Amino acid sequence: NAMGWYRQAPGKQRELVAAITNGGSTNYADSVKGRFTISRD
């Protein structure tokens, strides 16, 4: 239904970076907005 990217830095919890649904809707962490782009070809 959807795919995404998470990240985990040493000593920190895994966090959502970006996600995209089958319909193309996207969601980004505030820390990466404007710098990262998720896509699904």
PDB file of all heavy atoms in Angstrom:
ATOM      1  N   ASN A   1       0.818  -1.216   0.000  1.00  0.00           N
ATOM      2  CA  ASN A   1       0.000   0.000   0.000  1.00  0.00           C
ATOM      3  C   ASN A   1       0.851   1.265   0.000  1.00  0.00           C
ATOM      4  O   ASN A   1       0.455   2.298  -0.533  1.00  0.00           O
ATOM      5  CB  ASN A   1      -0.898   0.042   1.234  1.00  0.00           C
ATOM      6  CG  ASN A   1      -1.923  -1.080   1.220  1.00  0.00           C
ATOM      7  OD1 ASN A   1      -2.395  -1.480   0.164  1.00  0.00           O
ATOM      8  ND2 ASN A   1      -2.263  -1.589   2.385  1.00  0.00           N
ATOM      9  N   ALA A   2       1.993   1.190   0.655  1.00  0.00           N
ATOM     10  CA  ALA A   2       2.862   2.350   0.768  1.00  0.00           C
ATOM     11  C   ALA A   2       4.286   1.888   1.012  1.00  0.00           C
ATOM     12  O   ALA A   2       4.516   0.784   1.530  1.00  0.00           O
ATOM     13  CB  ALA A   2       2.417   3.256   1.920  1.00  0.00           C
ATOM     14  N   MET A   3       5.228   2.746   0.631  1.00  0.00           N
ATOM     15  CA  MET A   3       6.640   2.459   0.887  1.00  0.00           C
ATOM     16  C   MET A   3       7.282   3.711   1.471  1.00  0.00           C
ATOM     17  O   MET A   3       6.785   4.827   1.281  1.00  0.00           O
ATOM     18  CB  MET A   3       7.362   2.043  -0.386  1.00  0.00           C
ATOM     19  CG  MET A   3       6.845   0.735  -0.969  1.00  0.00           C
ATOM     20  SD  MET A   3       7.732   0.185  -2.431  1.00  0.00           S
ATOM     21  CE  MET A   3       9.290  -0.349  -1.697  1.00  0.00           C
ATOM     22  N   GLY A   4       8.363   3.507   2.163  1.00  0.00           N
ATOM     23  CA  GLY A   4       9.001   4.661   2.775  1.00  0.00           C
ATOM     24  C   GLY A   4      10.424   4.388   3.174  1.00  0.00           C
ATOM     25  O   GLY A   4      10.944   3.287   2.972  1.00  0.00           O
ATOM     26  N   TRP A   5      11.025   5.421   3.742  1.00  0.00           N
ATOM     27  CA  TRP A   5      12.390   5.350   4.246  1.00  0.00           C
ATOM     28  C   TRP A   5      12.399   5.793   5.704  1.00  0.00           C
ATOM     29  O   TRP A   5      11.805   6.820   6.049  1.00  0.00           O
ATOM     30  CB  TRP A   5      13.324   6.248   3.436  1.00  0.00           C
ATOM     31  CG  TRP A   5      13.563   5.763   2.051  1.00  0.00           C
ATOM     32  CD1 TRP A   5      12.883   6.106   0.920  1.00  0.00           C
ATOM     33  CD2 TRP A   5      14.558   4.817   1.650  1.00  0.00           C
ATOM     34  NE1 TRP A   5      13.392   5.437  -0.158  1.00  0.00           N
ATOM     35  CE2 TRP A   5      14.434   4.642   0.254  1.00  0.00           C
ATOM     36  CE3 TRP A   5      15.567   4.111   2.320  1.00  0.00           C
ATOM     37  CZ2 TRP A   5      15.258   3.787  -0.478  1.00  0.00           C
ATOM     38  CZ3 TRP A   5      16.392   3.265   1.606  1.00  0.00           C
ATOM     39  CH2 TRP A   5      16.229   3.107   0.222  1.00  0.00           C
ATOM     40  N   TYR A   6      13.090   5.033   6.509  1.00  0.00           N
ATOM     41  CA  TYR A   6      13.329   5.372   7.905  1.00  0.00           C
ATOM     42  C   TYR A   6      14.839   5.436   8.106  1.00  0.00           C
ATOM     43  O   TYR A   6      15.598   4.940   7.273  1.00  0.00           O
ATOM     44  CB  TYR A   6      12.737   4.310   8.842  1.00  0.00           C
ATOM     45  CG  TYR A   6      11.233   4.353   8.964  1.00  0.00           C
ATOM     46  CD1 TYR A   6      10.410   4.019   7.897  1.00  0.00           C
ATOM     47  CD2 TYR A   6      10.634   4.723  10.163  1.00  0.00           C
ATOM     48  CE1 TYR A   6       9.032   4.062   8.023  1.00  0.00           C
ATOM     49  CE2 TYR A   6       9.248   4.754  10.301  1.00  0.00           C
ATOM     50  CZ  TYR A   6       8.469   4.428   9.224  1.00  0.00           C
ATOM     51  OH  TYR A   6       7.097   4.465   9.357  1.00  0.00           O
ATOM     52  N   ARG A   7      15.247   6.042   9.204  1.00  0.00           N
ATOM     53  CA  ARG A   7      16.670   6.054   9.526  1.00  0.00           C
ATOM     54  C   ARG A   7      16.869   5.905  11.027  1.00  0.00           C
ATOM     55  O   ARG A   7      16.002   6.254  11.815  1.00  0.00           O
ATOM     56  CB  ARG A   7      17.348   7.326   9.035  1.00  0.00           C
ATOM     57  CG  ARG A   7      16.907   8.606   9.730  1.00  0.00           C
ATOM     58  CD  ARG A   7      17.523   9.822   9.047  1.00  0.00           C
ATOM     59  NE  ARG A   7      17.125  11.076   9.693  1.00  0.00           N
ATOM     60  CZ  ARG A   7      17.425  12.278   9.204  1.00  0.00           C
ATOM     61  NH1 ARG A   7      18.113  12.395   8.072  1.00  0.00           N
ATOM     62  NH2 ARG A   7      17.030  13.370   9.846  1.00  0.00           N
ATOM     63  N   GLN A   8      18.036   5.374  11.360  1.00  0.00           N
ATOM     64  CA  GLN A   8      18.374   5.202  12.769  1.00  0.00           C
ATOM     65  C   GLN A   8      19.825   5.578  12.970  1.00  0.00           C
ATOM     66  O   GLN A   8      20.723   4.938  12.410  1.00  0.00           O
ATOM     67  CB  GLN A   8      18.128   3.769  13.229  1.00  0.00           C
ATOM     68  CG  GLN A   8      18.290   3.577  14.719  1.00  0.00           C
ATOM     69  CD  GLN A   8      17.720   2.262  15.186  1.00  0.00           C
ATOM     70  OE1 GLN A   8      17.500   1.332  14.404  1.00  0.00           O
ATOM     71  NE2 GLN A   8      17.452   2.153  16.485  1.00  0.00           N
ATOM     72  N   ALA A   9      20.040   6.607  13.755  1.00  0.00           N
ATOM     73  CA  ALA A   9      21.389   7.048  14.099  1.00  0.00           C
ATOM     74  C   ALA A   9      21.817   6.349  15.392  1.00  0.00           C
ATOM     75  O   ALA A   9      20.971   5.909  16.174  1.00  0.00           O
ATOM     76  CB  ALA A   9      21.421   8.560  14.284  1.00  0.00           C
ATOM     77  N   PRO A  10      23.096   6.254  15.633  1.00  0.00           N
ATOM     78  CA  PRO A  10      23.576   5.586  16.859  1.00  0.00           C
ATOM     79  C   PRO A  10      22.978   6.206  18.110  1.00  0.00           C
ATOM     80  O   PRO A  10      22.988   7.435  18.273  1.00  0.00           O
ATOM     81  CB  PRO A  10      25.087   5.801  16.798  1.00  0.00           C
ATOM     82  CG  PRO A  10      25.383   5.952  15.349  1.00  0.00           C
ATOM     83  CD  PRO A  10      24.204   6.680  14.776  1.00  0.00           C
ATOM     84  N   GLY A  11      22.423   5.366  18.967  1.00  0.00           N
ATOM     85  CA  GLY A  11      21.857   5.830  20.221  1.00  0.00           C
ATOM     86  C   GLY A  11      20.501   6.480  20.109  1.00  0.00           C
ATOM     87  O   GLY A  11      19.970   6.986  21.104  1.00  0.00           O
ATOM     88  N   LYS A  12      19.919   6.471  18.907  1.00  0.00           N
ATOM     89  CA  LYS A  12      18.614   7.103  18.711  1.00  0.00           C
ATOM     90  C   LYS A  12      17.603   6.094  18.196  1.00  0.00           C
ATOM     91  O   LYS A  12      17.971   5.048  17.678  1.00  0.00           O
ATOM     92  CB  LYS A  12      18.739   8.279  17.734  1.00  0.00           C
ATOM     93  CG  LYS A  12      19.588   9.423  18.251  1.00  0.00           C
ATOM     94  CD  LYS A  12      19.516  10.609  17.320  1.00  0.00           C
ATOM     95  CE  LYS A  12      20.308  11.791  17.861  1.00  0.00           C
ATOM     96  NZ  LYS A  12      20.218  12.981  16.944  1.00  0.00           N
ATOM     97  N   GLN A  13      16.327   6.459  18.317  1.00  0.00           N
ATOM     98  CA  GLN A  13      15.270   5.600  17.813  1.00  0.00           C
ATOM     99  C   GLN A  13      15.151   5.726  16.309  1.00  0.00           C
ATOM    100  O   GLN A  13      15.525   6.744  15.716  1.00  0.00           O
ATOM    101  CB  GLN A  13      13.939   5.978  18.474  1.00  0.00           C
ATOM    102  CG  GLN A  13      13.849   5.618  19.946  1.00  0.00           C
ATOM    103  CD  GLN A  13      12.457   5.829  20.506  1.00  0.00           C
ATOM    104  OE1 GLN A  13      11.709   6.673  20.019  1.00  0.00           O
ATOM    105  NE2 GLN A  13      12.101   5.064  21.503  1.00  0.00           N
ATOM    106  N   ARG A  14      14.629   4.675  15.692  1.00  0.00           N
ATOM    107  CA  ARG A  14      14.357   4.724  14.261  1.00  0.00           C
ATOM    108  C   ARG A  14      13.249   5.741  14.018  1.00  0.00           C
ATOM    109  O   ARG A  14      12.247   5.773  14.737  1.00  0.00           O
ATOM    110  CB  ARG A  14      13.950   3.349  13.752  1.00  0.00           C
ATOM    111  CG  ARG A  14      13.907   3.215  12.253  1.00  0.00           C
ATOM    112  CD  ARG A  14      13.683   1.780  11.829  1.00  0.00           C
ATOM    113  NE  ARG A  14      14.778   0.908  12.221  1.00  0.00           N
ATOM    114  CZ  ARG A  14      14.897  -0.353  11.812  1.00  0.00           C
ATOM    115  NH1 ARG A  14      13.988  -0.867  11.001  1.00  0.00           N
ATOM    116  NH2 ARG A  14      15.903  -1.088  12.224  1.00  0.00           N
ATOM    117  N   GLU A  15      13.429   6.561  12.979  1.00  0.00           N
ATOM    118  CA  GLU A  15      12.459   7.610  12.690  1.00  0.00           C
ATOM    119  C   GLU A  15      12.096   7.615  11.213  1.00  0.00           C
ATOM    120  O   GLU A  15      12.911   7.256  10.353  1.00  0.00           O
ATOM    121  CB  GLU A  15      13.019   8.986  13.077  1.00  0.00           C
ATOM    122  CG  GLU A  15      14.255   9.396  12.324  1.00  0.00           C
ATOM    123  CD  GLU A  15      14.717  10.809  12.646  1.00  0.00           C
ATOM    124  OE1 GLU A  15      14.099  11.481  13.482  1.00  0.00           O
ATOM    125  OE2 GLU A  15      15.719  11.245  12.034  1.00  0.00           O
ATOM    126  N   LEU A  16      10.870   8.061  10.943  1.00  0.00           N
ATOM    127  CA  LEU A  16      10.414   8.197   9.568  1.00  0.00           C
ATOM    128  C   LEU A  16      11.146   9.342   8.895  1.00  0.00           C
ATOM    129  O   LEU A  16      11.280  10.427   9.463  1.00  0.00           O
ATOM    130  CB  LEU A  16       8.912   8.465   9.539  1.00  0.00           C
ATOM    131  CG  LEU A  16       8.329   8.809   8.176  1.00  0.00           C
ATOM    132  CD1 LEU A  16       8.352   7.597   7.251  1.00  0.00           C
ATOM    133  CD2 LEU A  16       6.917   9.334   8.318  1.00  0.00           C
ATOM    134  N   VAL A  17      11.608   9.089   7.686  1.00  0.00           N
ATOM    135  CA  VAL A  17      12.223  10.136   6.861  1.00  0.00           C
ATOM    136  C   VAL A  17      11.218  10.611   5.818  1.00  0.00           C
ATOM    137  O   VAL A  17      10.949  11.794   5.688  1.00  0.00           O
ATOM    138  CB  VAL A  17      13.500   9.630   6.190  1.00  0.00           C
ATOM    139  CG1 VAL A  17      14.084  10.699   5.268  1.00  0.00           C
ATOM    140  CG2 VAL A  17      14.524   9.183   7.224  1.00  0.00           C
ATOM    141  N   ALA A  18      10.675   9.665   5.056  1.00  0.00           N
ATOM    142  CA  ALA A  18       9.729  10.002   3.996  1.00  0.00           C
ATOM    143  C   ALA A  18       8.939   8.758   3.633  1.00  0.00           C
ATOM    144  O   ALA A  18       9.439   7.639   3.767  1.00  0.00           O
ATOM    145  CB  ALA A  18      10.444  10.556   2.770  1.00  0.00           C
ATOM    146  N   ALA A  19       7.722   8.982   3.153  1.00  0.00           N
ATOM    147  CA  ALA A  19       6.877   7.869   2.740  1.00  0.00           C
ATOM    148  C   ALA A  19       6.059   8.282   1.538  1.00  0.00           C
ATOM    149  O   ALA A  19       5.801   9.484   1.327  1.00  0.00           O
ATOM    150  CB  ALA A  19       5.967   7.428   3.884  1.00  0.00           C
ATOM    151  N   ILE A  20       5.646   7.288   0.752  1.00  0.00           N
ATOM    152  CA  ILE A  20       4.833   7.545  -0.428  1.00  0.00           C
ATOM    153  C   ILE A  20       3.815   6.429  -0.566  1.00  0.00           C
ATOM    154  O   ILE A  20       4.133   5.248  -0.406  1.00  0.00           O
ATOM    155  CB  ILE A  20       5.715   7.683  -1.693  1.00  0.00           C
ATOM    156  CG1 ILE A  20       4.873   8.093  -2.895  1.00  0.00           C
ATOM    157  CG2 ILE A  20       6.511   6.401  -1.964  1.00  0.00           C
ATOM    158  CD1 ILE A  20       5.723   8.543  -4.080  1.00  0.00           C
ATOM    159  N   THR A  21       2.565   6.808  -0.862  1.00  0.00           N
ATOM    160  CA  THR A  21       1.508   5.815  -1.020  1.00  0.00           C
ATOM    161  C   THR A  21       1.388   5.387  -2.480  1.00  0.00           C
ATOM    162  O   THR A  21       2.002   5.984  -3.370  1.00  0.00           O
ATOM    163  CB  THR A  21       0.165   6.401  -0.569  1.00  0.00           C
ATOM    164  OG1 THR A  21      -0.213   7.446  -1.486  1.00  0.00           O
ATOM    165  CG2 THR A  21       0.251   6.964   0.836  1.00  0.00           C
ATOM    166  N   ASN A  22       0.578   4.380  -2.714  1.00  0.00           N
ATOM    167  CA  ASN A  22       0.326   3.943  -4.088  1.00  0.00           C
ATOM    168  C   ASN A  22      -0.265   5.069  -4.917  1.00  0.00           C
ATOM    169  O   ASN A  22      -0.039   5.144  -6.126  1.00  0.00           O
ATOM    170  CB  ASN A  22      -0.612   2.747  -4.096  1.00  0.00           C
ATOM    171  CG  ASN A  22       0.070   1.469  -3.687  1.00  0.00           C
ATOM    172  OD1 ASN A  22       1.278   1.440  -3.461  1.00  0.00           O
ATOM    173  ND2 ASN A  22      -0.687   0.397  -3.569  1.00  0.00           N
ATOM    174  N   GLY A  23      -1.004   5.947  -4.280  1.00  0.00           N
ATOM    175  CA  GLY A  23      -1.607   7.059  -5.002  1.00  0.00           C
ATOM    176  C   GLY A  23      -0.676   8.234  -5.217  1.00  0.00           C
ATOM    177  O   GLY A  23      -1.049   9.216  -5.874  1.00  0.00           O
ATOM    178  N   GLY A  24       0.524   8.148  -4.684  1.00  0.00           N
ATOM    179  CA  GLY A  24       1.503   9.195  -4.883  1.00  0.00           C
ATOM    180  C   GLY A  24       1.567  10.238  -3.790  1.00  0.00           C
ATOM    181  O   GLY A  24       2.379  11.171  -3.873  1.00  0.00           O
ATOM    182  N   SER A  25       0.766  10.105  -2.761  1.00  0.00           N
ATOM    183  CA  SER A  25       0.841  11.049  -1.645  1.00  0.00           C
ATOM    184  C   SER A  25       2.133  10.842  -0.878  1.00  0.00           C
ATOM    185  O   SER A  25       2.547   9.699  -0.653  1.00  0.00           O
ATOM    186  CB  SER A  25      -0.340  10.859  -0.709  1.00  0.00           C
ATOM    187  OG  SER A  25      -1.550  11.156  -1.369  1.00  0.00           O
ATOM    188  N   THR A  26       2.766  11.936  -0.484  1.00  0.00           N
ATOM    189  CA  THR A  26       4.049  11.860   0.212  1.00  0.00           C
ATOM    190  C   THR A  26       3.979  12.514   1.580  1.00  0.00           C
ATOM    191  O   THR A  26       3.138  13.382   1.838  1.00  0.00           O
ATOM    192  CB  THR A  26       5.169  12.526  -0.607  1.00  0.00           C
ATOM    193  OG1 THR A  26       4.812  13.891  -0.851  1.00  0.00           O
ATOM    194  CG2 THR A  26       5.385  11.809  -1.926  1.00  0.00           C
ATOM    195  N   ASN A  27       4.880  12.087   2.432  1.00  0.00           N
ATOM    196  CA  ASN A  27       4.981  12.620   3.778  1.00  0.00           C
ATOM    197  C   ASN A  27       6.458  12.673   4.141  1.00  0.00           C
ATOM    198  O   ASN A  27       7.191  11.717   3.869  1.00  0.00           O
ATOM    199  CB  ASN A  27       4.231  11.704   4.752  1.00  0.00           C
ATOM    200  CG  ASN A  27       4.251  12.229   6.169  1.00  0.00           C
ATOM    201  OD1 ASN A  27       4.169  13.422   6.388  1.00  0.00           O
ATOM    202  ND2 ASN A  27       4.378  11.330   7.134  1.00  0.00           N
ATOM    203  N   TYR A  28       6.897  13.784   4.732  1.00  0.00           N
ATOM    204  CA  TYR A  28       8.308  13.963   5.068  1.00  0.00           C
ATOM    205  C   TYR A  28       8.484  14.385   6.523  1.00  0.00           C
ATOM    206  O   TYR A  28       7.645  15.110   7.078  1.00  0.00           O
ATOM    207  CB  TYR A  28       8.944  15.054   4.199  1.00  0.00           C
ATOM    208  CG  TYR A  28       9.024  14.733   2.737  1.00  0.00           C
ATOM    209  CD1 TYR A  28       8.012  15.110   1.863  1.00  0.00           C
ATOM    210  CD2 TYR A  28      10.127  14.050   2.216  1.00  0.00           C
ATOM    211  CE1 TYR A  28       8.082  14.815   0.521  1.00  0.00           C
ATOM    212  CE2 TYR A  28      10.213  13.758   0.866  1.00  0.00           C
ATOM    213  CZ  TYR A  28       9.180  14.139   0.024  1.00  0.00           C
ATOM    214  OH  TYR A  28       9.265  13.842  -1.317  1.00  0.00           O
ATOM    215  N   ALA A  29       9.589  13.976   7.100  1.00  0.00           N
ATOM    216  CA  ALA A  29       9.970  14.509   8.393  1.00  0.00           C
ATOM    217  C   ALA A  29      10.329  15.985   8.223  1.00  0.00           C
ATOM    218  O   ALA A  29      10.876  16.384   7.186  1.00  0.00           O
ATOM    219  CB  ALA A  29      11.176  13.745   8.943  1.00  0.00           C
ATOM    220  N   ASP A  30      10.023  16.785   9.233  1.00  0.00           N
ATOM    221  CA  ASP A  30      10.305  18.217   9.140  1.00  0.00           C
ATOM    222  C   ASP A  30      11.785  18.487   8.882  1.00  0.00           C
ATOM    223  O   ASP A  30      12.148  19.431   8.175  1.00  0.00           O
ATOM    224  CB  ASP A  30       9.876  18.921  10.437  1.00  0.00           C
ATOM    225  CG  ASP A  30       8.372  19.027  10.574  1.00  0.00           C
ATOM    226  OD1 ASP A  30       7.665  18.858   9.555  1.00  0.00           O
ATOM    227  OD2 ASP A  30       7.897  19.262  11.698  1.00  0.00           O
ATOM    228  N   SER A  31      12.629  17.642   9.418  1.00  0.00           N
ATOM    229  CA  SER A  31      14.078  17.861   9.309  1.00  0.00           C
ATOM    230  C   SER A  31      14.619  17.679   7.899  1.00  0.00           C
ATOM    231  O   SER A  31      15.745  18.111   7.609  1.00  0.00           O
ATOM    232  CB  SER A  31      14.819  16.925  10.263  1.00  0.00           C
ATOM    233  OG  SER A  31      14.548  15.568   9.938  1.00  0.00           O
ATOM    234  N   VAL A  32      13.831  17.058   7.013  1.00  0.00           N
ATOM    235  CA  VAL A  32      14.329  16.810   5.653  1.00  0.00           C
ATOM    236  C   VAL A  32      13.521  17.525   4.587  1.00  0.00           C
ATOM    237  O   VAL A  32      13.872  17.468   3.403  1.00  0.00           O
ATOM    238  CB  VAL A  32      14.390  15.302   5.341  1.00  0.00           C
ATOM    239  CG1 VAL A  32      15.196  14.561   6.410  1.00  0.00           C
ATOM    240  CG2 VAL A  32      13.006  14.694   5.179  1.00  0.00           C
ATOM    241  N   LYS A  33      12.446  18.173   4.975  1.00  0.00           N
ATOM    242  CA  LYS A  33      11.606  18.867   3.993  1.00  0.00           C
ATOM    243  C   LYS A  33      12.427  19.895   3.226  1.00  0.00           C
ATOM    244  O   LYS A  33      13.192  20.663   3.802  1.00  0.00           O
ATOM    245  CB  LYS A  33      10.433  19.551   4.696  1.00  0.00           C
ATOM    246  CG  LYS A  33       9.334  18.598   5.127  1.00  0.00           C
ATOM    247  CD  LYS A  33       8.190  19.341   5.811  1.00  0.00           C
ATOM    248  CE  LYS A  33       7.096  18.383   6.233  1.00  0.00           C
ATOM    249  NZ  LYS A  33       5.997  19.073   6.971  1.00  0.00           N
ATOM    250  N   GLY A  34      12.243  19.895   1.903  1.00  0.00           N
ATOM    251  CA  GLY A  34      12.979  20.810   1.057  1.00  0.00           C
ATOM    252  C   GLY A  34      14.351  20.315   0.633  1.00  0.00           C
ATOM    253  O   GLY A  34      14.986  20.903  -0.244  1.00  0.00           O
ATOM    254  N   ARG A  35      14.820  19.228   1.258  1.00  0.00           N
ATOM    255  CA  ARG A  35      16.134  18.677   0.914  1.00  0.00           C
ATOM    256  C   ARG A  35      16.032  17.264   0.335  1.00  0.00           C
ATOM    257  O   ARG A  35      16.815  16.900  -0.539  1.00  0.00           O
ATOM    258  CB  ARG A  35      17.037  18.641   2.151  1.00  0.00           C
ATOM    259  CG  ARG A  35      17.281  19.990   2.793  1.00  0.00           C
ATOM    260  CD  ARG A  35      18.346  19.892   3.890  1.00  0.00           C
ATOM    261  NE  ARG A  35      17.926  19.018   4.995  1.00  0.00           N
ATOM    262  CZ  ARG A  35      18.611  17.964   5.403  1.00  0.00           C
ATOM    263  NH1 ARG A  35      19.751  17.616   4.793  1.00  0.00           N
ATOM    264  NH2 ARG A  35      18.171  17.228   6.426  1.00  0.00           N
ATOM    265  N   PHE A  36      15.097  16.478   0.815  1.00  0.00           N
ATOM    266  CA  PHE A  36      14.933  15.099   0.369  1.00  0.00           C
ATOM    267  C   PHE A  36      13.657  14.976  -0.460  1.00  0.00           C
ATOM    268  O   PHE A  36      12.657  15.650  -0.202  1.00  0.00           O
ATOM    269  CB  PHE A  36      14.816  14.151   1.562  1.00  0.00           C
ATOM    270  CG  PHE A  36      16.075  13.976   2.373  1.00  0.00           C
ATOM    271  CD1 PHE A  36      17.174  14.793   2.212  1.00  0.00           C
ATOM    272  CD2 PHE A  36      16.143  12.976   3.326  1.00  0.00           C
ATOM    273  CE1 PHE A  36      18.320  14.629   2.965  1.00  0.00           C
ATOM    274  CE2 PHE A  36      17.276  12.790   4.099  1.00  0.00           C
ATOM    275  CZ  PHE A  36      18.363  13.625   3.916  1.00  0.00           C
ATOM    276  N   THR A  37      13.713  14.073  -1.443  1.00  0.00           N
ATOM    277  CA  THR A  37      12.538  13.796  -2.259  1.00  0.00           C
ATOM    278  C   THR A  37      12.368  12.299  -2.409  1.00  0.00           C
ATOM    279  O   THR A  37      13.310  11.599  -2.832  1.00  0.00           O
ATOM    280  CB  THR A  37      12.662  14.434  -3.645  1.00  0.00           C
ATOM    281  OG1 THR A  37      12.852  15.847  -3.512  1.00  0.00           O
ATOM    282  CG2 THR A  37      11.407  14.182  -4.469  1.00  0.00           C
ATOM    283  N   ILE A  38      11.179  11.806  -2.090  1.00  0.00           N
ATOM    284  CA  ILE A  38      10.872  10.393  -2.288  1.00  0.00           C
ATOM    285  C   ILE A  38      10.094  10.259  -3.578  1.00  0.00           C
ATOM    286  O   ILE A  38       9.248  11.096  -3.908  1.00  0.00           O
ATOM    287  CB  ILE A  38      10.095   9.815  -1.084  1.00  0.00           C
ATOM    288  CG1 ILE A  38       9.989   8.298  -1.188  1.00  0.00           C
ATOM    289  CG2 ILE A  38       8.736  10.473  -0.926  1.00  0.00           C
ATOM    290  CD1 ILE A  38       9.463   7.629   0.073  1.00  0.00           C
ATOM    291  N   SER A  39      10.377   9.203  -4.325  1.00  0.00           N
ATOM    292  CA  SER A  39       9.660   8.951  -5.566  1.00  0.00           C
ATOM    293  C   SER A  39       9.545   7.454  -5.788  1.00  0.00           C
ATOM    294  O   SER A  39      10.244   6.656  -5.165  1.00  0.00           O
ATOM    295  CB  SER A  39      10.361   9.618  -6.744  1.00  0.00           C
ATOM    296  OG  SER A  39      11.663   9.080  -6.927  1.00  0.00           O
ATOM    297  N   ARG A  40       8.650   7.112  -6.690  1.00  0.00           N
ATOM    298  CA  ARG A  40       8.377   5.704  -6.955  1.00  0.00           C
ATOM    299  C   ARG A  40       8.118   5.589  -8.446  1.00  0.00           C
ATOM    300  O   ARG A  40       7.071   6.050  -8.918  1.00  0.00           O
ATOM    301  CB  ARG A  40       7.173   5.274  -6.114  1.00  0.00           C
ATOM    302  CG  ARG A  40       6.971   3.810  -5.972  1.00  0.00           C
ATOM    303  CD  ARG A  40       5.888   3.568  -4.925  1.00  0.00           C
ATOM    304  NE  ARG A  40       5.427   2.208  -4.917  1.00  0.00           N
ATOM    305  CZ  ARG A  40       4.432   1.761  -4.148  1.00  0.00           C
ATOM    306  NH1 ARG A  40       3.807   2.576  -3.333  1.00  0.00           N
ATOM    307  NH2 ARG A  40       4.076   0.501  -4.209  1.00  0.00           N
ATOM    308  N   ASP A  41       9.063   5.009  -9.193  1.00  0.00           N
ATOM    309  CA  ASP A  41       8.921   5.041 -10.646  1.00  0.00           C
ATOM    310  C   ASP A  41       8.124   3.864 -11.185  1.00  0.00           C
ATOM    311  O   ASP A  41       7.601   3.921 -12.268  1.00  0.00           O
ATOM    312  CB  ASP A  41      10.292   5.103 -11.322  1.00  0.00           C
ATOM    313  CG  ASP A  41      11.119   3.854 -11.074  1.00  0.00           C
ATOM    314  OD1 ASP A  41      10.746   3.050 -10.214  1.00  0.00           O
ATOM    315  OD2 ASP A  41      12.148   3.705 -11.749  1.00  0.00           O
TER     316      ASP A  41
END
